[in-house]
């Protein structure tokens, strides 16, 4: 028992969720505040989907570990939900900003 936590194996999967979450926050901040297009629709979609899939696989793998102990790890599940929410938010914000910019370039103000 390391540090008073009864399931030390599950703690080692949390940094994966945290790293994916930090990368999604970086993409979100870059998309919101970008002056020059650093990300296009393809890159935002691929990054979001990869982070979601890796987070889901990590949650699934922790499920096998949890079956040994007949317990649960709520923190990993909530981290997965946060990563999934950030992925969807990234795509929605990019599509929203892209459609506004496209509309303004097609229909300039007079």
PDB file of N, CA and C in Angstrom:
ATOM      1  N   UNK A   1       0.839  -1.161   0.000  1.00  0.00           N
ATOM      2  CA  UNK A   1       0.000   0.000   0.000  1.00  0.00           C
ATOM      3  C   UNK A   1       0.894   1.238   0.000  1.00  0.00           C
ATOM      4  N   UNK A   2       0.954   1.940  -1.143  1.00  0.00           N
ATOM      5  CA  UNK A   2       1.810   3.106  -1.283  1.00  0.00           C
ATOM      6  C   UNK A   2       1.033   4.370  -0.966  1.00  0.00           C
ATOM      7  N   UNK A   3       1.475   5.110   0.010  1.00  0.00           N
ATOM      8  CA  UNK A   3       0.880   6.390   0.316  1.00  0.00           C
ATOM      9  C   UNK A   3      -0.539   6.300   0.848  1.00  0.00           C
ATOM     10  N   UNK A   4      -0.920   5.174   1.386  1.00  0.00           N
ATOM     11  CA  UNK A   4      -2.251   5.036   1.938  1.00  0.00           C
ATOM     12  C   UNK A   4      -3.327   4.741   0.909  1.00  0.00           C
ATOM     13  N   UNK A   5      -2.989   4.628  -0.368  1.00  0.00           N
ATOM     14  CA  UNK A   5      -3.985   4.326  -1.397  1.00  0.00           C
ATOM     15  C   UNK A   5      -4.073   2.820  -1.557  1.00  0.00           C
ATOM     16  N   UNK A   6      -5.264   2.228  -1.492  1.00  0.00           N
ATOM     17  CA  UNK A   6      -5.367   0.769  -1.496  1.00  0.00           C
ATOM     18  C   UNK A   6      -5.052   0.104  -2.832  1.00  0.00           C
ATOM     19  N   UNK A   7      -5.139   0.842  -3.948  1.00  0.00           N
ATOM     20  CA  UNK A   7      -4.900   0.246  -5.261  1.00  0.00           C
ATOM     21  C   UNK A   7      -3.800   1.022  -5.988  1.00  0.00           C
ATOM     22  N   UNK A   8      -2.540   0.740  -5.706  1.00  0.00           N
ATOM     23  CA  UNK A   8      -1.461   1.549  -6.293  1.00  0.00           C
ATOM     24  C   UNK A   8      -1.332   1.381  -7.804  1.00  0.00           C
ATOM     25  N   UNK A   9      -1.833   0.297  -8.375  1.00  0.00           N
ATOM     26  CA  UNK A   9      -1.713   0.092  -9.814  1.00  0.00           C
ATOM     27  C   UNK A   9      -2.522   1.114 -10.593  1.00  0.00           C
ATOM     28  N   UNK A  10      -3.627   1.564 -10.032  1.00  0.00           N
ATOM     29  CA  UNK A  10      -4.482   2.509 -10.746  1.00  0.00           C
ATOM     30  C   UNK A  10      -3.887   3.904 -10.790  1.00  0.00           C
ATOM     31  N   UNK A  11      -3.048   4.235  -9.842  1.00  0.00           N
ATOM     32  CA  UNK A  11      -2.447   5.566  -9.812  1.00  0.00           C
ATOM     33  C   UNK A  11      -1.538   5.768 -11.017  1.00  0.00           C
ATOM     34  N   UNK A  12      -0.920   4.717 -11.515  1.00  0.00           N
ATOM     35  CA  UNK A  12       0.014   4.853 -12.623  1.00  0.00           C
ATOM     36  C   UNK A  12      -0.679   5.107 -13.948  1.00  0.00           C
ATOM     37  N   UNK A  13      -1.980   4.916 -14.034  1.00  0.00           N
ATOM     38  CA  UNK A  13      -2.702   5.234 -15.263  1.00  0.00           C
ATOM     39  C   UNK A  13      -3.227   6.668 -15.267  1.00  0.00           C
ATOM     40  N   UNK A  14      -3.270   7.315 -14.129  1.00  0.00           N
ATOM     41  CA  UNK A  14      -3.774   8.687 -14.058  1.00  0.00           C
ATOM     42  C   UNK A  14      -2.902   9.691 -14.800  1.00  0.00           C
ATOM     43  N   UNK A  15      -1.573   9.576 -14.778  1.00  0.00           N
ATOM     44  CA  UNK A  15      -0.780  10.549 -15.562  1.00  0.00           C
ATOM     45  C   UNK A  15      -1.078  10.515 -17.057  1.00  0.00           C
ATOM     46  N   UNK A  16      -1.517   9.370 -17.571  1.00  0.00           N
ATOM     47  CA  UNK A  16      -1.891   9.302 -18.987  1.00  0.00           C
ATOM     48  C   UNK A  16      -3.100  10.195 -19.228  1.00  0.00           C
ATOM     49  N   UNK A  17      -4.109  10.092 -18.372  1.00  0.00           N
ATOM     50  CA  UNK A  17      -5.287  10.941 -18.502  1.00  0.00           C
ATOM     51  C   UNK A  17      -4.920  12.415 -18.333  1.00  0.00           C
ATOM     52  N   UNK A  18      -4.054  12.716 -17.381  1.00  0.00           N
ATOM     53  CA  UNK A  18      -3.660  14.106 -17.143  1.00  0.00           C
ATOM     54  C   UNK A  18      -2.886  14.678 -18.329  1.00  0.00           C
ATOM     55  N   UNK A  19      -2.005  13.895 -18.912  1.00  0.00           N
ATOM     56  CA  UNK A  19      -1.234  14.361 -20.067  1.00  0.00           C
ATOM     57  C   UNK A  19      -2.134  14.609 -21.261  1.00  0.00           C
ATOM     58  N   UNK A  20      -3.069  13.707 -21.486  1.00  0.00           N
ATOM     59  CA  UNK A  20      -4.013  13.909 -22.584  1.00  0.00           C
ATOM     60  C   UNK A  20      -4.876  15.141 -22.343  1.00  0.00           C
ATOM     61  N   UNK A  21      -5.300  15.340 -21.109  1.00  0.00           N
ATOM     62  CA  UNK A  21      -6.091  16.521 -20.776  1.00  0.00           C
ATOM     63  C   UNK A  21      -5.310  17.810 -20.979  1.00  0.00           C
ATOM     64  N   UNK A  22      -4.036  17.807 -20.585  1.00  0.00           N
ATOM     65  CA  UNK A  22      -3.215  19.001 -20.783  1.00  0.00           C
ATOM     66  C   UNK A  22      -3.001  19.293 -22.270  1.00  0.00           C
ATOM     67  N   UNK A  23      -2.827  18.248 -23.075  1.00  0.00           N
ATOM     68  CA  UNK A  23      -2.656  18.479 -24.508  1.00  0.00           C
ATOM     69  C   UNK A  23      -3.947  18.998 -25.132  1.00  0.00           C
ATOM     70  N   UNK A  24      -5.101  18.528 -24.657  1.00  0.00           N
ATOM     71  CA  UNK A  24      -6.370  19.043 -25.165  1.00  0.00           C
ATOM     72  C   UNK A  24      -6.602  20.487 -24.741  1.00  0.00           C
ATOM     73  N   UNK A  25      -6.199  20.847 -23.544  1.00  0.00           N
ATOM     74  CA  UNK A  25      -6.308  22.244 -23.102  1.00  0.00           C
ATOM     75  C   UNK A  25      -5.380  23.123 -23.933  1.00  0.00           C
ATOM     76  N   UNK A  26      -4.176  22.642 -24.256  1.00  0.00           N
ATOM     77  CA  UNK A  26      -3.266  23.390 -25.113  1.00  0.00           C
ATOM     78  C   UNK A  26      -3.878  23.632 -26.489  1.00  0.00           C
ATOM     79  N   UNK A  27      -4.478  22.602 -27.072  1.00  0.00           N
ATOM     80  CA  UNK A  27      -5.121  22.756 -28.383  1.00  0.00           C
ATOM     81  C   UNK A  27      -6.280  23.744 -28.274  1.00  0.00           C
ATOM     82  N   UNK A  28      -7.052  23.650 -27.201  1.00  0.00           N
ATOM     83  CA  UNK A  28      -8.183  24.557 -27.009  1.00  0.00           C
ATOM     84  C   UNK A  28      -7.716  26.009 -26.928  1.00  0.00           C
ATOM     85  N   UNK A  29      -6.698  26.271 -26.119  1.00  0.00           N
ATOM     86  CA  UNK A  29      -6.191  27.633 -25.987  1.00  0.00           C
ATOM     87  C   UNK A  29      -5.583  28.140 -27.288  1.00  0.00           C
ATOM     88  N   UNK A  30      -4.922  27.261 -28.016  1.00  0.00           N
ATOM     89  CA  UNK A  30      -4.343  27.656 -29.297  1.00  0.00           C
ATOM     90  C   UNK A  30      -5.423  27.979 -30.310  1.00  0.00           C
ATOM     91  N   UNK A  31      -6.475  27.191 -30.349  1.00  0.00           N
ATOM     92  CA  UNK A  31      -7.566  27.444 -31.288  1.00  0.00           C
ATOM     93  C   UNK A  31      -8.293  28.740 -30.937  1.00  0.00           C
ATOM     94  N   UNK A  32      -8.489  28.992 -29.663  1.00  0.00           N
ATOM     95  CA  UNK A  32      -9.217  30.193 -29.257  1.00  0.00           C
ATOM     96  C   UNK A  32      -8.403  31.455 -29.519  1.00  0.00           C
ATOM     97  N   UNK A  33      -7.117  31.430 -29.213  1.00  0.00           N
ATOM     98  CA  UNK A  33      -6.310  32.634 -29.283  1.00  0.00           C
ATOM     99  C   UNK A  33      -5.383  32.708 -30.486  1.00  0.00           C
ATOM    100  N   UNK A  34      -5.548  31.848 -31.469  1.00  0.00           N
ATOM    101  CA  UNK A  34      -4.614  31.854 -32.590  1.00  0.00           C
ATOM    102  C   UNK A  34      -4.871  33.032 -33.526  1.00  0.00           C
ATOM    103  N   UNK A  35      -3.800  33.693 -33.908  1.00  0.00           N
ATOM    104  CA  UNK A  35      -3.875  34.772 -34.890  1.00  0.00           C
ATOM    105  C   UNK A  35      -3.567  34.216 -36.285  1.00  0.00           C
ATOM    106  N   UNK A  36      -2.587  33.335 -36.315  1.00  0.00           N
ATOM    107  CA  UNK A  36      -2.229  32.644 -37.548  1.00  0.00           C
ATOM    108  C   UNK A  36      -2.736  31.220 -37.402  1.00  0.00           C
ATOM    109  N   UNK A  37      -3.245  30.650 -38.454  1.00  0.00           N
ATOM    110  CA  UNK A  37      -3.795  29.293 -38.373  1.00  0.00           C
ATOM    111  C   UNK A  37      -2.688  28.274 -38.143  1.00  0.00           C
ATOM    112  N   UNK A  38      -2.600  27.794 -36.916  1.00  0.00           N
ATOM    113  CA  UNK A  38      -1.642  26.747 -36.596  1.00  0.00           C
ATOM    114  C   UNK A  38      -2.270  25.373 -36.745  1.00  0.00           C
ATOM    115  N   UNK A  39      -3.586  25.287 -36.494  1.00  0.00           N
ATOM    116  CA  UNK A  39      -4.311  24.032 -36.609  1.00  0.00           C
ATOM    117  C   UNK A  39      -5.394  24.176 -37.666  1.00  0.00           C
ATOM    118  N   UNK A  40      -5.564  23.142 -38.457  1.00  0.00           N
ATOM    119  CA  UNK A  40      -6.692  23.113 -39.369  1.00  0.00           C
ATOM    120  C   UNK A  40      -7.718  22.100 -38.852  1.00  0.00           C
ATOM    121  N   UNK A  41      -8.810  21.944 -39.569  1.00  0.00           N
ATOM    122  CA  UNK A  41      -9.882  21.063 -39.109  1.00  0.00           C
ATOM    123  C   UNK A  41      -9.401  19.631 -38.954  1.00  0.00           C
ATOM    124  N   UNK A  42      -8.582  19.177 -39.879  1.00  0.00           N
ATOM    125  CA  UNK A  42      -8.080  17.811 -39.818  1.00  0.00           C
ATOM    126  C   UNK A  42      -7.239  17.582 -38.572  1.00  0.00           C
ATOM    127  N   UNK A  43      -6.323  18.500 -38.271  1.00  0.00           N
ATOM    128  CA  UNK A  43      -5.447  18.298 -37.119  1.00  0.00           C
ATOM    129  C   UNK A  43      -6.212  18.371 -35.806  1.00  0.00           C
ATOM    130  N   UNK A  44      -7.168  19.282 -35.690  1.00  0.00           N
ATOM    131  CA  UNK A  44      -7.968  19.371 -34.463  1.00  0.00           C
ATOM    132  C   UNK A  44      -8.789  18.101 -34.279  1.00  0.00           C
ATOM    133  N   UNK A  45      -9.380  17.607 -35.363  1.00  0.00           N
ATOM    134  CA  UNK A  45     -10.185  16.387 -35.284  1.00  0.00           C
ATOM    135  C   UNK A  45      -9.328  15.182 -34.935  1.00  0.00           C
ATOM    136  N   UNK A  46      -8.169  15.052 -35.564  1.00  0.00           N
ATOM    137  CA  UNK A  46      -7.296  13.897 -35.301  1.00  0.00           C
ATOM    138  C   UNK A  46      -6.769  13.932 -33.867  1.00  0.00           C
ATOM    139  N   UNK A  47      -6.335  15.090 -33.398  1.00  0.00           N
ATOM    140  CA  UNK A  47      -5.832  15.193 -32.034  1.00  0.00           C
ATOM    141  C   UNK A  47      -6.936  14.871 -31.036  1.00  0.00           C
ATOM    142  N   UNK A  48      -8.121  15.407 -31.261  1.00  0.00           N
ATOM    143  CA  UNK A  48      -9.237  15.153 -30.347  1.00  0.00           C
ATOM    144  C   UNK A  48      -9.640  13.680 -30.341  1.00  0.00           C
ATOM    145  N   UNK A  49      -9.705  13.075 -31.509  1.00  0.00           N
ATOM    146  CA  UNK A  49     -10.097  11.668 -31.592  1.00  0.00           C
ATOM    147  C   UNK A  49      -9.021  10.766 -30.968  1.00  0.00           C
ATOM    148  N   UNK A  50      -7.760  11.052 -31.234  1.00  0.00           N
ATOM    149  CA  UNK A  50      -6.692  10.237 -30.644  1.00  0.00           C
ATOM    150  C   UNK A  50      -6.691  10.334 -29.126  1.00  0.00           C
ATOM    151  N   UNK A  51      -6.854  11.537 -28.611  1.00  0.00           N
ATOM    152  CA  UNK A  51      -6.884  11.698 -27.155  1.00  0.00           C
ATOM    153  C   UNK A  51      -8.081  10.979 -26.551  1.00  0.00           C
ATOM    154  N   UNK A  52      -9.222  11.024 -27.230  1.00  0.00           N
ATOM    155  CA  UNK A  52     -10.407  10.330 -26.729  1.00  0.00           C
ATOM    156  C   UNK A  52     -10.224   8.815 -26.757  1.00  0.00           C
ATOM    157  N   UNK A  53      -9.661   8.308 -27.831  1.00  0.00           N
ATOM    158  CA  UNK A  53      -9.476   6.862 -27.961  1.00  0.00           C
ATOM    159  C   UNK A  53      -8.444   6.355 -26.955  1.00  0.00           C
ATOM    160  N   UNK A  54      -7.333   7.055 -26.810  1.00  0.00           N
ATOM    161  CA  UNK A  54      -6.309   6.620 -25.861  1.00  0.00           C
ATOM    162  C   UNK A  54      -6.848   6.693 -24.435  1.00  0.00           C
ATOM    163  N   UNK A  55      -7.620   7.722 -24.140  1.00  0.00           N
ATOM    164  CA  UNK A  55      -8.223   7.836 -22.811  1.00  0.00           C
ATOM    165  C   UNK A  55      -9.221   6.707 -22.562  1.00  0.00           C
ATOM    166  N   UNK A  56      -9.996   6.349 -23.575  1.00  0.00           N
ATOM    167  CA  UNK A  56     -10.953   5.253 -23.428  1.00  0.00           C
ATOM    168  C   UNK A  56     -10.237   3.913 -23.249  1.00  0.00           C
ATOM    169  N   UNK A  57      -9.163   3.690 -23.992  1.00  0.00           N
ATOM    170  CA  UNK A  57      -8.400   2.443 -23.850  1.00  0.00           C
ATOM    171  C   UNK A  57      -7.764   2.361 -22.467  1.00  0.00           C
ATOM    172  N   UNK A  58      -7.280   3.477 -21.971  1.00  0.00           N
ATOM    173  CA  UNK A  58      -6.703   3.501 -20.632  1.00  0.00           C
ATOM    174  C   UNK A  58      -7.765   3.201 -19.576  1.00  0.00           C
ATOM    175  N   UNK A  59      -8.948   3.780 -19.748  1.00  0.00           N
ATOM    176  CA  UNK A  59     -10.040   3.491 -18.817  1.00  0.00           C
ATOM    177  C   UNK A  59     -10.446   2.023 -18.900  1.00  0.00           C
ATOM    178  N   UNK A  60     -10.480   1.463 -20.096  1.00  0.00           N
ATOM    179  CA  UNK A  60     -10.823   0.060 -20.286  1.00  0.00           C
ATOM    180  C   UNK A  60      -9.771  -0.853 -19.647  1.00  0.00           C
ATOM    181  N   UNK A  61      -8.493  -0.489 -19.808  1.00  0.00           N
ATOM    182  CA  UNK A  61      -7.420  -1.284 -19.206  1.00  0.00           C
ATOM    183  C   UNK A  61      -7.481  -1.221 -17.692  1.00  0.00           C
ATOM    184  N   UNK A  62      -7.829  -0.059 -17.154  1.00  0.00           N
ATOM    185  CA  UNK A  62      -7.948   0.034 -15.699  1.00  0.00           C
ATOM    186  C   UNK A  62      -9.136  -0.775 -15.200  1.00  0.00           C
ATOM    187  N   UNK A  63     -10.111  -1.017 -16.063  1.00  0.00           N
ATOM    188  CA  UNK A  63     -11.239  -1.869 -15.688  1.00  0.00           C
ATOM    189  C   UNK A  63     -10.811  -3.294 -15.409  1.00  0.00           C
ATOM    190  N   UNK A  64      -9.845  -3.791 -16.188  1.00  0.00           N
ATOM    191  CA  UNK A  64      -9.329  -5.136 -15.921  1.00  0.00           C
ATOM    192  C   UNK A  64      -8.617  -5.195 -14.575  1.00  0.00           C
ATOM    193  N   UNK A  65      -7.887  -4.145 -14.256  1.00  0.00           N
ATOM    194  CA  UNK A  65      -7.191  -4.106 -12.973  1.00  0.00           C
ATOM    195  C   UNK A  65      -8.199  -4.023 -11.834  1.00  0.00           C
ATOM    196  N   UNK A  66      -9.240  -3.242 -12.030  1.00  0.00           N
ATOM    197  CA  UNK A  66     -10.257  -3.063 -10.992  1.00  0.00           C
ATOM    198  C   UNK A  66     -10.995  -4.375 -10.720  1.00  0.00           C
ATOM    199  N   UNK A  67     -11.163  -5.199 -11.743  1.00  0.00           N
ATOM    200  CA  UNK A  67     -11.849  -6.480 -11.548  1.00  0.00           C
ATOM    201  C   UNK A  67     -11.142  -7.364 -10.537  1.00  0.00           C
ATOM    202  N   UNK A  68      -9.824  -7.228 -10.437  1.00  0.00           N
ATOM    203  CA  UNK A  68      -9.089  -8.017  -9.445  1.00  0.00           C
ATOM    204  C   UNK A  68      -9.468  -7.628  -8.028  1.00  0.00           C
ATOM    205  N   UNK A  69      -9.693  -6.353  -7.817  1.00  0.00           N
ATOM    206  CA  UNK A  69      -9.929  -5.847  -6.467  1.00  0.00           C
ATOM    207  C   UNK A  69     -11.401  -5.693  -6.111  1.00  0.00           C
ATOM    208  N   UNK A  70     -12.284  -5.841  -7.107  1.00  0.00           N
ATOM    209  CA  UNK A  70     -13.719  -5.649  -6.904  1.00  0.00           C
ATOM    210  C   UNK A  70     -14.029  -4.270  -6.332  1.00  0.00           C
ATOM    211  N   UNK A  71     -13.313  -3.299  -6.823  1.00  0.00           N
ATOM    212  CA  UNK A  71     -13.531  -1.917  -6.416  1.00  0.00           C
ATOM    213  C   UNK A  71     -13.625  -1.057  -7.663  1.00  0.00           C
ATOM    214  N   UNK A  72     -13.601   0.220  -7.488  1.00  0.00           N
ATOM    215  CA  UNK A  72     -13.680   1.105  -8.634  1.00  0.00           C
ATOM    216  C   UNK A  72     -12.755   2.291  -8.480  1.00  0.00           C
ATOM    217  N   UNK A  73     -12.482   2.940  -9.586  1.00  0.00           N
ATOM    218  CA  UNK A  73     -11.659   4.141  -9.571  1.00  0.00           C
ATOM    219  C   UNK A  73     -12.450   5.256 -10.232  1.00  0.00           C
ATOM    220  N   UNK A  74     -13.095   6.060  -9.414  1.00  0.00           N
ATOM    221  CA  UNK A  74     -13.939   7.128  -9.925  1.00  0.00           C
ATOM    222  C   UNK A  74     -13.121   8.236 -10.571  1.00  0.00           C
ATOM    223  N   UNK A  75     -11.927   8.462 -10.064  1.00  0.00           N
ATOM    224  CA  UNK A  75     -11.106   9.563 -10.558  1.00  0.00           C
ATOM    225  C   UNK A  75     -10.749   9.350 -12.029  1.00  0.00           C
ATOM    226  N   UNK A  76     -10.374   8.144 -12.395  1.00  0.00           N
ATOM    227  CA  UNK A  76     -10.041   7.862 -13.795  1.00  0.00           C
ATOM    228  C   UNK A  76     -11.261   8.028 -14.690  1.00  0.00           C
ATOM    229  N   UNK A  77     -12.419   7.638 -14.204  1.00  0.00           N
ATOM    230  CA  UNK A  77     -13.636   7.794 -14.999  1.00  0.00           C
ATOM    231  C   UNK A  77     -13.946   9.271 -15.218  1.00  0.00           C
ATOM    232  N   UNK A  78     -13.795  10.082 -14.176  1.00  0.00           N
ATOM    233  CA  UNK A  78     -14.072  11.508 -14.331  1.00  0.00           C
ATOM    234  C   UNK A  78     -13.024  12.188 -15.209  1.00  0.00           C
ATOM    235  N   UNK A  79     -11.782  11.697 -15.154  1.00  0.00           N
ATOM    236  CA  UNK A  79     -10.750  12.228 -16.056  1.00  0.00           C
ATOM    237  C   UNK A  79     -11.078  11.870 -17.503  1.00  0.00           C
ATOM    238  N   UNK A  80     -11.587  10.664 -17.720  1.00  0.00           N
ATOM    239  CA  UNK A  80     -12.000  10.273 -19.068  1.00  0.00           C
ATOM    240  C   UNK A  80     -13.134  11.167 -19.558  1.00  0.00           C
ATOM    241  N   UNK A  81     -14.111  11.429 -18.703  1.00  0.00           N
ATOM    242  CA  UNK A  81     -15.219  12.305 -19.103  1.00  0.00           C
ATOM    243  C   UNK A  81     -14.724  13.723 -19.402  1.00  0.00           C
ATOM    244  N   UNK A  82     -13.761  14.213 -18.622  1.00  0.00           N
ATOM    245  CA  UNK A  82     -13.199  15.541 -18.881  1.00  0.00           C
ATOM    246  C   UNK A  82     -12.471  15.563 -20.221  1.00  0.00           C
ATOM    247  N   UNK A  83     -11.704  14.514 -20.519  1.00  0.00           N
ATOM    248  CA  UNK A  83     -11.004  14.441 -21.806  1.00  0.00           C
ATOM    249  C   UNK A  83     -11.986  14.373 -22.962  1.00  0.00           C
ATOM    250  N   UNK A  84     -13.042  13.606 -22.795  1.00  0.00           N
ATOM    251  CA  UNK A  84     -14.053  13.496 -23.841  1.00  0.00           C
ATOM    252  C   UNK A  84     -14.752  14.840 -24.048  1.00  0.00           C
ATOM    253  N   UNK A  85     -15.065  15.520 -22.961  1.00  0.00           N
ATOM    254  CA  UNK A  85     -15.696  16.834 -23.067  1.00  0.00           C
ATOM    255  C   UNK A  85     -14.784  17.857 -23.726  1.00  0.00           C
ATOM    256  N   UNK A  86     -13.499  17.842 -23.370  1.00  0.00           N
ATOM    257  CA  UNK A  86     -12.550  18.758 -24.008  1.00  0.00           C
ATOM    258  C   UNK A  86     -12.389  18.454 -25.495  1.00  0.00           C
ATOM    259  N   UNK A  87     -12.432  17.193 -25.867  1.00  0.00           N
ATOM    260  CA  UNK A  87     -12.325  16.828 -27.281  1.00  0.00           C
ATOM    261  C   UNK A  87     -13.506  17.378 -28.072  1.00  0.00           C
ATOM    262  N   UNK A  88     -14.691  17.199 -27.538  1.00  0.00           N
ATOM    263  CA  UNK A  88     -15.890  17.709 -28.218  1.00  0.00           C
ATOM    264  C   UNK A  88     -15.860  19.234 -28.253  1.00  0.00           C
ATOM    265  N   UNK A  89     -15.454  19.859 -27.156  1.00  0.00           N
ATOM    266  CA  UNK A  89     -15.378  21.319 -27.090  1.00  0.00           C
ATOM    267  C   UNK A  89     -14.365  21.866 -28.096  1.00  0.00           C
ATOM    268  N   UNK A  90     -13.229  21.201 -28.249  1.00  0.00           N
ATOM    269  CA  UNK A  90     -12.233  21.634 -29.235  1.00  0.00           C
ATOM    270  C   UNK A  90     -12.818  21.656 -30.637  1.00  0.00           C
ATOM    271  N   UNK A  91     -13.498  20.577 -30.998  1.00  0.00           N
ATOM    272  CA  UNK A  91     -14.055  20.509 -32.345  1.00  0.00           C
ATOM    273  C   UNK A  91     -15.173  21.537 -32.536  1.00  0.00           C
ATOM    274  N   UNK A  92     -16.020  21.716 -31.522  1.00  0.00           N
ATOM    275  CA  UNK A  92     -17.114  22.690 -31.642  1.00  0.00           C
ATOM    276  C   UNK A  92     -16.571  24.116 -31.762  1.00  0.00           C
ATOM    277  N   UNK A  93     -15.588  24.457 -30.955  1.00  0.00           N
ATOM    278  CA  UNK A  93     -15.028  25.808 -31.015  1.00  0.00           C
ATOM    279  C   UNK A  93     -14.319  26.039 -32.346  1.00  0.00           C
ATOM    280  N   UNK A  94     -13.591  25.051 -32.821  1.00  0.00           N
ATOM    281  CA  UNK A  94     -12.910  25.229 -34.103  1.00  0.00           C
ATOM    282  C   UNK A  94     -13.931  25.395 -35.222  1.00  0.00           C
ATOM    283  N   UNK A  95     -14.942  24.540 -35.248  1.00  0.00           N
ATOM    284  CA  UNK A  95     -15.960  24.654 -36.297  1.00  0.00           C
ATOM    285  C   UNK A  95     -16.704  25.984 -36.191  1.00  0.00           C
ATOM    286  N   UNK A  96     -16.982  26.438 -34.975  1.00  0.00           N
ATOM    287  CA  UNK A  96     -17.664  27.714 -34.802  1.00  0.00           C
ATOM    288  C   UNK A  96     -16.820  28.884 -35.279  1.00  0.00           C
ATOM    289  N   UNK A  97     -15.557  28.912 -34.890  1.00  0.00           N
ATOM    290  CA  UNK A  97     -14.677  29.997 -35.323  1.00  0.00           C
ATOM    291  C   UNK A  97     -14.422  29.926 -36.819  1.00  0.00           C
ATOM    292  N   UNK A  98     -14.304  28.744 -37.358  1.00  0.00           N
ATOM    293  CA  UNK A  98     -14.042  28.588 -38.782  1.00  0.00           C
ATOM    294  C   UNK A  98     -15.243  29.054 -39.595  1.00  0.00           C
ATOM    295  N   UNK A  99     -16.452  28.750 -39.152  1.00  0.00           N
ATOM    296  CA  UNK A  99     -17.634  29.174 -39.906  1.00  0.00           C
ATOM    297  C   UNK A  99     -17.815  30.682 -39.842  1.00  0.00           C
ATOM    298  N   UNK A 100     -17.475  31.324 -38.706  1.00  0.00           N
ATOM    299  CA  UNK A 100     -17.557  32.776 -38.603  1.00  0.00           C
ATOM    300  C   UNK A 100     -16.533  33.426 -39.527  1.00  0.00           C
ATOM    301  N   UNK A 101     -15.311  32.916 -39.539  1.00  0.00           N
ATOM    302  CA  UNK A 101     -14.285  33.476 -40.408  1.00  0.00           C
ATOM    303  C   UNK A 101     -14.624  33.274 -41.877  1.00  0.00           C
ATOM    304  N   UNK A 102     -15.182  32.125 -42.221  1.00  0.00           N
ATOM    305  CA  UNK A 102     -15.572  31.857 -43.597  1.00  0.00           C
ATOM    306  C   UNK A 102     -16.692  32.802 -44.018  1.00  0.00           C
ATOM    307  N   UNK A 103     -17.673  33.022 -43.162  1.00  0.00           N
ATOM    308  CA  UNK A 103     -18.792  33.898 -43.475  1.00  0.00           C
ATOM    309  C   UNK A 103     -18.306  35.335 -43.662  1.00  0.00           C
ATOM    310  N   UNK A 104     -17.371  35.789 -42.813  1.00  0.00           N
ATOM    311  CA  UNK A 104     -16.870  37.157 -42.918  1.00  0.00           C
ATOM    312  C   UNK A 104     -16.031  37.363 -44.177  1.00  0.00           C
ATOM    313  N   UNK A 105     -15.328  36.339 -44.646  1.00  0.00           N
ATOM    314  CA  UNK A 105     -14.534  36.502 -45.855  1.00  0.00           C
ATOM    315  C   UNK A 105     -15.406  36.436 -47.101  1.00  0.00           C
ATOM    316  N   UNK A 106     -16.493  35.685 -47.051  1.00  0.00           N
ATOM    317  CA  UNK A 106     -17.390  35.596 -48.207  1.00  0.00           C
ATOM    318  C   UNK A 106     -18.293  36.826 -48.261  1.00  0.00           C
ATOM    319  N   UNK A 107     -18.767  37.297 -47.107  1.00  0.00           N
ATOM    320  CA  UNK A 107     -19.671  38.449 -47.041  1.00  0.00           C
ATOM    321  C   UNK A 107     -19.024  39.577 -46.236  1.00  0.00           C
ATOM    322  N   UNK A 108     -18.114  40.323 -46.833  1.00  0.00           N
ATOM    323  CA  UNK A 108     -17.443  41.393 -46.051  1.00  0.00           C
ATOM    324  C   UNK A 108     -18.426  42.519 -45.738  1.00  0.00           C
ATOM    325  N   UNK A 109     -18.163  43.194 -44.619  1.00  0.00           N
ATOM    326  CA  UNK A 109     -19.004  44.330 -44.222  1.00  0.00           C
ATOM    327  C   UNK A 109     -18.714  45.507 -45.140  1.00  0.00           C
ATOM    328  N   UNK A 110     -19.772  46.247 -45.439  1.00  0.00           N
ATOM    329  CA  UNK A 110     -19.603  47.384 -46.360  1.00  0.00           C
ATOM    330  C   UNK A 110     -19.420  48.663 -45.605  1.00  0.00           C
TER     331      UNK A 110
END
